C-alpha cells in the first residue's frame, strides 16, 4: 500500500498551516524556558499566560487534575525533563511519566508531554496522542511497521528510523 500523493500534499499543507499559525509562536516562547527559570517573574508570566493557553488550545488541559501549572512546570524543570527535551533525548517523555505523581493526571500524560516537547524541540519530537497513534496504525504504518504502542519514545524512534533515511 502506498500513500496517495494528494493526501500527502494535503497533510503537508496542513502541517505548514499549523506551524505558521500557532506552533512557531509557541516554539519561540517554549524554547526560552531555560531563560525563564532564572527569573521568578518571567517563569510565572510564562506559566500563567502561555502554558495555560497552550494546554487549552492543544486540548491537554483535561489531562491535568486541578491544574497547578506552576507545580507541574517546577517538577518538569527539577527532574531534567526540559533539558532532556532540549537535548533531543527521545526517552524524556517515558522517563518523566514515572516521576510525576499519578494523582495529578487523568490517565497517562503522554499527549501533554509530547506536545510540550514538540513545541520546545520540534526537530526531535512529534505531536503524539491516541488520534496520531490510531491513524498511523491504520494507515501509514501499513507501509512500514504496525502497532506503535503508547510509549512516545517508541513512536519517535520508529518515525526517525523509517522516514529520515
N, C-alpha and C. Protein backbone atom coordinates (compact mmCIF):
# COMPACT_ATOMS: atom_id res chain seq x y z
N UNK A 1 0.85 -1.18 0.00
CA UNK A 1 0.00 0.00 0.00
C UNK A 1 0.89 1.24 0.00
N UNK A 2 0.56 2.19 -0.82
CA UNK A 2 1.28 3.46 -0.82
C UNK A 2 0.31 4.57 -0.48
N UNK A 3 0.85 5.62 0.08
CA UNK A 3 0.01 6.76 0.41
C UNK A 3 -0.25 7.57 -0.85
N UNK A 4 -1.46 7.99 -1.00
CA UNK A 4 -1.89 8.80 -2.11
C UNK A 4 -1.15 10.15 -2.07
N UNK A 5 -0.57 10.55 -3.19
CA UNK A 5 0.18 11.81 -3.26
C UNK A 5 -0.69 13.00 -2.87
N UNK A 6 -1.94 13.00 -3.25
CA UNK A 6 -2.85 14.11 -2.91
C UNK A 6 -3.04 14.20 -1.40
N UNK A 7 -3.19 13.06 -0.74
CA UNK A 7 -3.36 13.06 0.72
C UNK A 7 -2.09 13.57 1.39
N UNK A 8 -0.94 13.15 0.90
CA UNK A 8 0.32 13.64 1.45
C UNK A 8 0.47 15.15 1.26
N UNK A 9 0.06 15.66 0.10
CA UNK A 9 0.12 17.11 -0.14
C UNK A 9 -0.79 17.86 0.82
N UNK A 10 -1.99 17.35 1.01
CA UNK A 10 -2.93 17.99 1.94
C UNK A 10 -2.36 17.99 3.35
N UNK A 11 -1.83 16.85 3.76
CA UNK A 11 -1.25 16.75 5.11
C UNK A 11 -0.07 17.71 5.26
N UNK A 12 0.75 17.83 4.23
CA UNK A 12 1.89 18.74 4.27
C UNK A 12 1.44 20.19 4.40
N UNK A 13 0.47 20.57 3.59
CA UNK A 13 -0.05 21.94 3.67
C UNK A 13 -0.70 22.23 5.02
N UNK A 14 -1.38 21.25 5.56
CA UNK A 14 -2.00 21.44 6.88
C UNK A 14 -0.93 21.59 7.95
N UNK A 15 0.12 20.79 7.89
CA UNK A 15 1.22 20.90 8.85
C UNK A 15 1.88 22.28 8.75
N UNK A 16 2.09 22.76 7.54
CA UNK A 16 2.67 24.09 7.35
C UNK A 16 1.74 25.17 7.90
N UNK A 17 0.45 25.01 7.65
CA UNK A 17 -0.53 25.98 8.16
C UNK A 17 -0.45 26.09 9.68
N UNK A 18 -0.47 24.95 10.38
CA UNK A 18 -0.47 24.98 11.85
C UNK A 18 0.87 25.48 12.39
N UNK A 19 1.95 25.14 11.70
CA UNK A 19 3.25 25.64 12.14
C UNK A 19 3.28 27.16 12.04
N UNK A 20 2.84 27.70 10.94
CA UNK A 20 2.86 29.15 10.74
C UNK A 20 1.84 29.85 11.64
N UNK A 21 0.69 29.21 11.86
CA UNK A 21 -0.37 29.85 12.62
C UNK A 21 -0.10 29.86 14.12
N UNK A 22 0.30 28.73 14.71
CA UNK A 22 0.41 28.62 16.16
C UNK A 22 1.73 28.05 16.65
N UNK A 23 2.18 26.99 16.03
CA UNK A 23 3.28 26.21 16.58
C UNK A 23 4.60 26.98 16.62
N UNK A 24 4.89 27.77 15.60
CA UNK A 24 6.13 28.54 15.59
C UNK A 24 6.13 29.55 16.74
N UNK A 25 5.00 30.19 16.97
CA UNK A 25 4.85 31.14 18.07
C UNK A 25 5.17 30.46 19.40
N UNK A 26 4.53 29.33 19.65
CA UNK A 26 4.78 28.60 20.90
C UNK A 26 6.23 28.11 20.97
N UNK A 27 6.75 27.63 19.86
CA UNK A 27 8.13 27.14 19.86
C UNK A 27 9.10 28.25 20.29
N UNK A 28 8.94 29.42 19.75
CA UNK A 28 9.83 30.53 20.09
C UNK A 28 9.77 30.85 21.59
N UNK A 29 8.60 30.75 22.18
CA UNK A 29 8.45 31.03 23.61
C UNK A 29 8.92 29.84 24.46
N UNK A 30 8.48 28.63 24.11
CA UNK A 30 8.80 27.44 24.91
C UNK A 30 10.29 27.13 24.88
N UNK A 31 10.97 27.44 23.80
CA UNK A 31 12.40 27.17 23.73
C UNK A 31 13.19 28.10 24.65
N UNK A 32 12.53 29.10 25.23
CA UNK A 32 13.19 30.03 26.15
C UNK A 32 12.95 29.68 27.62
N UNK A 33 12.34 28.54 27.89
CA UNK A 33 12.07 28.15 29.28
C UNK A 33 13.34 28.15 30.14
N UNK A 34 14.48 27.67 29.65
CA UNK A 34 15.69 27.73 30.49
C UNK A 34 16.04 29.16 30.94
N UNK A 35 15.77 30.14 30.09
CA UNK A 35 15.99 31.54 30.48
C UNK A 35 14.98 31.96 31.54
N UNK A 36 13.72 31.56 31.35
CA UNK A 36 12.66 31.98 32.26
C UNK A 36 12.87 31.45 33.67
N UNK A 37 13.46 30.26 33.79
CA UNK A 37 13.62 29.68 35.12
C UNK A 37 14.61 30.46 35.98
N UNK A 38 15.38 31.34 35.36
CA UNK A 38 16.33 32.17 36.10
C UNK A 38 15.66 33.36 36.77
N UNK A 39 14.42 33.64 36.40
CA UNK A 39 13.71 34.80 36.94
C UNK A 39 12.29 34.37 37.30
N UNK A 40 11.95 34.47 38.58
CA UNK A 40 10.64 34.01 39.05
C UNK A 40 9.49 34.73 38.35
N UNK A 41 9.63 36.02 38.11
CA UNK A 41 8.56 36.77 37.44
C UNK A 41 8.36 36.29 36.00
N UNK A 42 9.46 36.05 35.29
CA UNK A 42 9.37 35.54 33.92
C UNK A 42 8.72 34.15 33.91
N UNK A 43 9.11 33.30 34.84
CA UNK A 43 8.56 31.95 34.91
C UNK A 43 7.08 31.99 35.24
N UNK A 44 6.68 32.85 36.15
CA UNK A 44 5.26 33.00 36.48
C UNK A 44 4.46 33.52 35.29
N UNK A 45 5.02 34.48 34.60
CA UNK A 45 4.35 35.02 33.41
C UNK A 45 4.18 33.92 32.37
N UNK A 46 5.26 33.17 32.10
CA UNK A 46 5.18 32.07 31.15
C UNK A 46 4.09 31.07 31.57
N UNK A 47 4.10 30.68 32.82
CA UNK A 47 3.16 29.68 33.32
C UNK A 47 1.72 30.17 33.21
N UNK A 48 1.47 31.37 33.67
CA UNK A 48 0.09 31.87 33.73
C UNK A 48 -0.49 32.28 32.40
N UNK A 49 0.36 32.69 31.47
CA UNK A 49 -0.17 33.17 30.20
C UNK A 49 0.05 32.21 29.04
N UNK A 50 1.20 31.59 28.98
CA UNK A 50 1.48 30.74 27.83
C UNK A 50 1.20 29.26 28.08
N UNK A 51 1.63 28.75 29.21
CA UNK A 51 1.42 27.33 29.48
C UNK A 51 -0.06 26.99 29.62
N UNK A 52 -0.81 27.82 30.32
CA UNK A 52 -2.26 27.59 30.45
C UNK A 52 -2.96 27.71 29.10
N UNK A 53 -2.58 28.71 28.33
CA UNK A 53 -3.18 28.92 27.00
C UNK A 53 -2.87 27.72 26.10
N UNK A 54 -1.62 27.27 26.11
CA UNK A 54 -1.23 26.10 25.33
C UNK A 54 -2.06 24.87 25.72
N UNK A 55 -2.21 24.64 27.02
CA UNK A 55 -2.94 23.46 27.49
C UNK A 55 -4.39 23.46 26.98
N UNK A 56 -5.01 24.61 26.97
CA UNK A 56 -6.38 24.70 26.44
C UNK A 56 -6.40 24.54 24.92
N UNK A 57 -5.55 25.27 24.25
CA UNK A 57 -5.55 25.25 22.79
C UNK A 57 -5.21 23.87 22.23
N UNK A 58 -4.34 23.14 22.89
CA UNK A 58 -3.94 21.82 22.42
C UNK A 58 -4.74 20.70 23.09
N UNK A 59 -5.80 21.07 23.77
CA UNK A 59 -6.74 20.13 24.41
C UNK A 59 -6.06 19.13 25.34
N UNK A 60 -5.07 19.58 26.07
CA UNK A 60 -4.43 18.71 27.05
C UNK A 60 -4.76 19.14 28.48
N UNK A 61 -5.52 20.21 28.62
CA UNK A 61 -5.90 20.67 29.96
C UNK A 61 -6.78 19.65 30.68
N UNK A 62 -7.50 18.83 29.93
CA UNK A 62 -8.37 17.82 30.53
C UNK A 62 -7.57 16.70 31.18
N UNK A 63 -6.33 16.55 30.77
CA UNK A 63 -5.46 15.51 31.33
C UNK A 63 -5.01 15.86 32.74
N UNK A 64 -4.92 17.14 33.03
CA UNK A 64 -4.36 17.60 34.29
C UNK A 64 -5.47 17.85 35.30
N UNK A 65 -5.42 17.13 36.43
CA UNK A 65 -6.40 17.31 37.51
C UNK A 65 -6.06 18.57 38.29
N UNK A 66 -7.08 19.30 38.68
CA UNK A 66 -6.87 20.52 39.48
C UNK A 66 -5.61 21.25 39.04
N UNK A 67 -5.64 21.78 37.85
CA UNK A 67 -4.41 22.29 37.24
C UNK A 67 -3.62 23.25 38.11
N UNK A 68 -2.45 22.83 38.48
CA UNK A 68 -1.48 23.71 39.11
C UNK A 68 -0.26 23.69 38.20
N UNK A 69 -0.31 24.55 37.20
CA UNK A 69 0.73 24.56 36.19
C UNK A 69 2.10 24.94 36.74
N UNK A 70 2.12 25.79 37.77
CA UNK A 70 3.39 26.17 38.38
C UNK A 70 4.08 24.96 39.00
N UNK A 71 3.31 24.17 39.73
CA UNK A 71 3.85 22.98 40.37
C UNK A 71 4.32 21.96 39.32
N UNK A 72 3.53 21.80 38.27
CA UNK A 72 3.88 20.86 37.21
C UNK A 72 5.16 21.31 36.49
N UNK A 73 5.23 22.57 36.12
CA UNK A 73 6.43 23.08 35.43
C UNK A 73 7.65 22.96 36.34
N UNK A 74 7.48 23.26 37.61
CA UNK A 74 8.58 23.14 38.56
C UNK A 74 9.10 21.71 38.61
N UNK A 75 8.20 20.75 38.63
CA UNK A 75 8.60 19.33 38.66
C UNK A 75 9.32 18.94 37.36
N UNK A 76 8.81 19.43 36.23
CA UNK A 76 9.45 19.13 34.94
C UNK A 76 10.87 19.71 34.88
N UNK A 77 11.03 20.90 35.42
CA UNK A 77 12.35 21.53 35.43
C UNK A 77 13.31 20.81 36.38
N UNK A 78 12.84 20.51 37.58
CA UNK A 78 13.71 19.90 38.59
C UNK A 78 14.12 18.48 38.22
N UNK A 79 13.29 17.79 37.47
CA UNK A 79 13.61 16.41 37.10
C UNK A 79 14.33 16.32 35.75
N UNK A 80 14.73 17.45 35.21
CA UNK A 80 15.54 17.45 33.99
C UNK A 80 14.78 17.20 32.70
N UNK A 81 13.44 17.21 32.77
CA UNK A 81 12.65 16.95 31.56
C UNK A 81 12.93 17.97 30.47
N UNK A 82 12.92 19.24 30.83
CA UNK A 82 13.13 20.31 29.84
C UNK A 82 14.50 20.17 29.20
N UNK A 83 15.52 19.95 30.02
CA UNK A 83 16.88 19.79 29.47
C UNK A 83 16.96 18.56 28.57
N UNK A 84 16.32 17.46 28.97
CA UNK A 84 16.33 16.25 28.14
C UNK A 84 15.67 16.49 26.80
N UNK A 85 14.58 17.25 26.81
CA UNK A 85 13.87 17.57 25.56
C UNK A 85 14.75 18.46 24.68
N UNK A 86 15.35 19.46 25.26
CA UNK A 86 16.23 20.35 24.50
C UNK A 86 17.37 19.56 23.87
N UNK A 87 17.87 18.57 24.60
CA UNK A 87 18.98 17.74 24.10
C UNK A 87 18.52 16.64 23.16
N UNK A 88 17.22 16.55 22.90
CA UNK A 88 16.71 15.57 21.94
C UNK A 88 16.70 14.14 22.44
N UNK A 89 16.66 13.95 23.74
CA UNK A 89 16.63 12.61 24.32
C UNK A 89 15.20 12.06 24.20
N UNK A 90 15.02 11.14 23.25
CA UNK A 90 13.67 10.67 22.92
C UNK A 90 13.00 9.89 24.05
N UNK A 91 13.76 9.49 25.06
CA UNK A 91 13.16 8.79 26.20
C UNK A 91 12.68 9.76 27.28
N UNK A 92 12.81 11.05 27.05
CA UNK A 92 12.45 12.06 28.05
C UNK A 92 11.02 11.91 28.54
N UNK A 93 10.10 11.70 27.63
CA UNK A 93 8.68 11.61 27.99
C UNK A 93 8.41 10.35 28.80
N UNK A 94 8.89 9.23 28.32
CA UNK A 94 8.66 7.98 29.04
C UNK A 94 9.30 8.01 30.42
N UNK A 95 10.46 8.66 30.55
CA UNK A 95 11.16 8.72 31.84
C UNK A 95 10.43 9.61 32.84
N UNK A 96 9.94 10.74 32.42
CA UNK A 96 9.30 11.68 33.36
C UNK A 96 7.96 11.16 33.85
N UNK A 97 7.28 10.36 33.04
CA UNK A 97 5.97 9.84 33.46
C UNK A 97 6.09 9.05 34.75
N UNK A 98 7.19 8.33 34.92
CA UNK A 98 7.38 7.53 36.14
C UNK A 98 7.66 8.39 37.36
N UNK A 99 8.04 9.65 37.17
CA UNK A 99 8.39 10.54 38.27
C UNK A 99 7.22 11.45 38.66
N UNK A 100 6.33 11.72 37.73
CA UNK A 100 5.20 12.61 38.02
C UNK A 100 4.15 11.88 38.85
N UNK A 101 3.59 12.56 39.85
CA UNK A 101 2.56 11.91 40.68
C UNK A 101 1.32 11.57 39.84
N UNK A 102 0.91 10.31 39.82
CA UNK A 102 -0.25 9.91 39.00
C UNK A 102 -1.54 10.62 39.41
N UNK A 103 -1.62 11.05 40.66
CA UNK A 103 -2.83 11.74 41.11
C UNK A 103 -2.97 13.14 40.51
N UNK A 104 -1.95 13.62 39.82
CA UNK A 104 -2.02 14.91 39.13
C UNK A 104 -2.76 14.81 37.80
N UNK A 105 -2.98 13.59 37.30
CA UNK A 105 -3.48 13.43 35.94
C UNK A 105 -4.66 12.47 35.84
N UNK A 106 -5.42 12.67 34.78
CA UNK A 106 -6.42 11.70 34.35
C UNK A 106 -5.70 10.82 33.33
N UNK A 107 -5.32 9.62 33.70
CA UNK A 107 -4.59 8.75 32.77
C UNK A 107 -3.14 9.16 32.67
N UNK A 108 -2.49 8.68 31.63
CA UNK A 108 -1.08 8.99 31.38
C UNK A 108 -0.97 10.29 30.58
N UNK A 109 -0.09 11.19 30.98
CA UNK A 109 0.02 12.50 30.30
C UNK A 109 0.91 12.50 29.06
N UNK A 110 0.90 11.42 28.29
CA UNK A 110 1.77 11.32 27.11
C UNK A 110 1.44 12.43 26.11
N UNK A 111 0.18 12.66 25.86
CA UNK A 111 -0.21 13.68 24.89
C UNK A 111 0.29 15.06 25.34
N UNK A 112 0.04 15.41 26.59
CA UNK A 112 0.51 16.69 27.13
C UNK A 112 2.03 16.81 26.98
N UNK A 113 2.75 15.80 27.43
CA UNK A 113 4.21 15.85 27.42
C UNK A 113 4.78 15.86 26.01
N UNK A 114 4.18 15.12 25.09
CA UNK A 114 4.71 15.11 23.71
C UNK A 114 4.46 16.43 23.01
N UNK A 115 3.30 17.01 23.23
CA UNK A 115 3.01 18.31 22.61
C UNK A 115 3.91 19.40 23.20
N UNK A 116 4.12 19.33 24.50
CA UNK A 116 5.01 20.26 25.18
C UNK A 116 6.43 20.11 24.63
N UNK A 117 6.89 18.86 24.50
CA UNK A 117 8.24 18.58 23.98
C UNK A 117 8.38 19.06 22.54
N UNK A 118 7.36 18.80 21.72
CA UNK A 118 7.40 19.23 20.32
C UNK A 118 7.58 20.73 20.21
N UNK A 119 6.89 21.48 21.05
CA UNK A 119 6.97 22.93 20.96
C UNK A 119 8.30 23.47 21.47
N UNK A 120 8.99 22.69 22.30
CA UNK A 120 10.33 23.07 22.73
C UNK A 120 11.35 22.68 21.66
N UNK A 121 11.24 21.45 21.15
CA UNK A 121 12.23 20.90 20.23
C UNK A 121 11.54 20.13 19.11
N UNK A 122 11.04 20.82 18.10
CA UNK A 122 10.29 20.16 17.02
C UNK A 122 11.14 19.30 16.09
N UNK A 123 12.45 19.40 16.17
CA UNK A 123 13.29 18.57 15.33
C UNK A 123 13.39 17.14 15.84
N UNK A 124 13.21 16.96 17.14
CA UNK A 124 13.37 15.64 17.73
C UNK A 124 12.08 15.04 18.29
N UNK A 125 11.03 15.84 18.40
CA UNK A 125 9.78 15.34 18.99
C UNK A 125 8.60 15.63 18.06
N UNK A 126 7.59 14.82 18.19
CA UNK A 126 6.37 14.98 17.39
C UNK A 126 5.17 15.10 18.31
N UNK A 127 4.13 15.72 17.79
CA UNK A 127 2.86 15.74 18.50
C UNK A 127 2.35 14.30 18.50
N UNK A 128 2.05 13.78 19.66
CA UNK A 128 1.65 12.37 19.75
C UNK A 128 0.50 12.21 20.73
N UNK A 129 -0.56 11.59 20.25
CA UNK A 129 -1.70 11.29 21.10
C UNK A 129 -2.41 10.06 20.54
N UNK A 130 -3.53 9.71 21.12
CA UNK A 130 -4.23 8.50 20.66
C UNK A 130 -4.72 8.64 19.23
N UNK A 131 -5.07 9.83 18.81
CA UNK A 131 -5.52 10.04 17.42
C UNK A 131 -4.35 9.77 16.46
N UNK A 132 -3.17 10.28 16.79
CA UNK A 132 -1.99 10.03 15.97
C UNK A 132 -1.68 8.55 15.92
N UNK A 133 -1.65 7.93 17.09
CA UNK A 133 -1.33 6.50 17.16
C UNK A 133 -2.31 5.68 16.33
N UNK A 134 -3.60 5.95 16.48
CA UNK A 134 -4.61 5.19 15.74
C UNK A 134 -4.50 5.42 14.24
N UNK A 135 -4.26 6.67 13.84
CA UNK A 135 -4.14 6.96 12.41
C UNK A 135 -2.93 6.26 11.81
N UNK A 136 -1.81 6.32 12.50
CA UNK A 136 -0.61 5.67 11.99
C UNK A 136 -0.76 4.15 11.95
N UNK A 137 -1.37 3.59 12.97
CA UNK A 137 -1.55 2.14 12.99
C UNK A 137 -2.51 1.68 11.90
N UNK A 138 -3.44 2.55 11.50
CA UNK A 138 -4.42 2.11 10.49
C UNK A 138 -4.04 2.48 9.06
N UNK A 139 -3.11 3.42 8.87
CA UNK A 139 -2.80 3.84 7.51
C UNK A 139 -1.31 3.78 7.19
N UNK A 140 -0.61 4.80 7.57
CA UNK A 140 0.79 4.96 7.14
C UNK A 140 1.68 3.82 7.57
N UNK A 141 1.47 3.28 8.73
CA UNK A 141 2.38 2.25 9.20
C UNK A 141 2.18 0.92 8.51
N UNK A 142 1.12 0.79 7.75
CA UNK A 142 0.97 -0.43 6.97
C UNK A 142 2.11 -0.52 5.96
N UNK A 143 2.65 0.63 5.60
CA UNK A 143 3.77 0.67 4.68
C UNK A 143 5.04 0.22 5.40
N UNK A 144 5.17 0.61 6.63
CA UNK A 144 6.42 0.45 7.35
C UNK A 144 6.37 -0.65 8.39
N UNK A 145 5.61 -0.43 9.42
CA UNK A 145 5.60 -1.33 10.56
C UNK A 145 4.31 -1.08 11.33
N UNK A 146 3.70 -2.12 11.84
CA UNK A 146 2.42 -1.99 12.53
C UNK A 146 2.58 -1.80 14.03
N UNK A 147 1.50 -1.36 14.61
CA UNK A 147 1.31 -1.36 16.06
C UNK A 147 2.31 -0.55 16.86
N UNK A 148 2.31 0.72 16.64
CA UNK A 148 3.06 1.60 17.52
C UNK A 148 2.31 1.63 18.83
N UNK A 149 3.04 1.54 19.91
CA UNK A 149 2.43 1.48 21.23
C UNK A 149 2.18 2.84 21.84
N UNK A 150 1.93 2.81 23.14
CA UNK A 150 1.62 4.04 23.86
C UNK A 150 2.85 4.81 24.29
N UNK A 151 4.03 4.23 24.17
CA UNK A 151 5.24 4.92 24.57
C UNK A 151 5.67 5.90 23.48
N UNK A 152 5.86 7.13 23.88
CA UNK A 152 6.24 8.16 22.92
C UNK A 152 7.61 7.89 22.31
N UNK A 153 8.56 7.39 23.10
CA UNK A 153 9.90 7.16 22.55
C UNK A 153 9.86 6.08 21.48
N UNK A 154 8.99 5.10 21.62
CA UNK A 154 8.83 4.06 20.60
C UNK A 154 8.37 4.69 19.29
N UNK A 155 7.40 5.57 19.38
CA UNK A 155 6.87 6.28 18.22
C UNK A 155 7.97 7.09 17.54
N UNK A 156 8.70 7.87 18.32
CA UNK A 156 9.73 8.74 17.77
C UNK A 156 10.84 7.93 17.11
N UNK A 157 11.28 6.87 17.77
CA UNK A 157 12.35 6.04 17.20
C UNK A 157 11.91 5.44 15.87
N UNK A 158 10.69 4.96 15.78
CA UNK A 158 10.23 4.36 14.53
C UNK A 158 10.09 5.39 13.42
N UNK A 159 9.58 6.56 13.76
CA UNK A 159 9.44 7.61 12.75
C UNK A 159 10.82 8.00 12.23
N UNK A 160 11.77 8.22 13.14
CA UNK A 160 13.11 8.60 12.71
C UNK A 160 13.75 7.51 11.87
N UNK A 161 13.57 6.28 12.28
CA UNK A 161 14.18 5.16 11.56
C UNK A 161 13.59 5.01 10.16
N UNK A 162 12.28 5.14 10.05
CA UNK A 162 11.62 4.84 8.79
C UNK A 162 11.46 6.00 7.84
N UNK A 163 11.45 7.22 8.35
CA UNK A 163 11.16 8.35 7.48
C UNK A 163 12.30 9.35 7.35
N UNK A 164 13.39 9.18 8.06
CA UNK A 164 14.51 10.12 7.94
C UNK A 164 15.74 9.46 7.36
N UNK A 165 15.54 8.57 6.43
CA UNK A 165 16.68 7.87 5.82
C UNK A 165 17.30 8.72 4.74
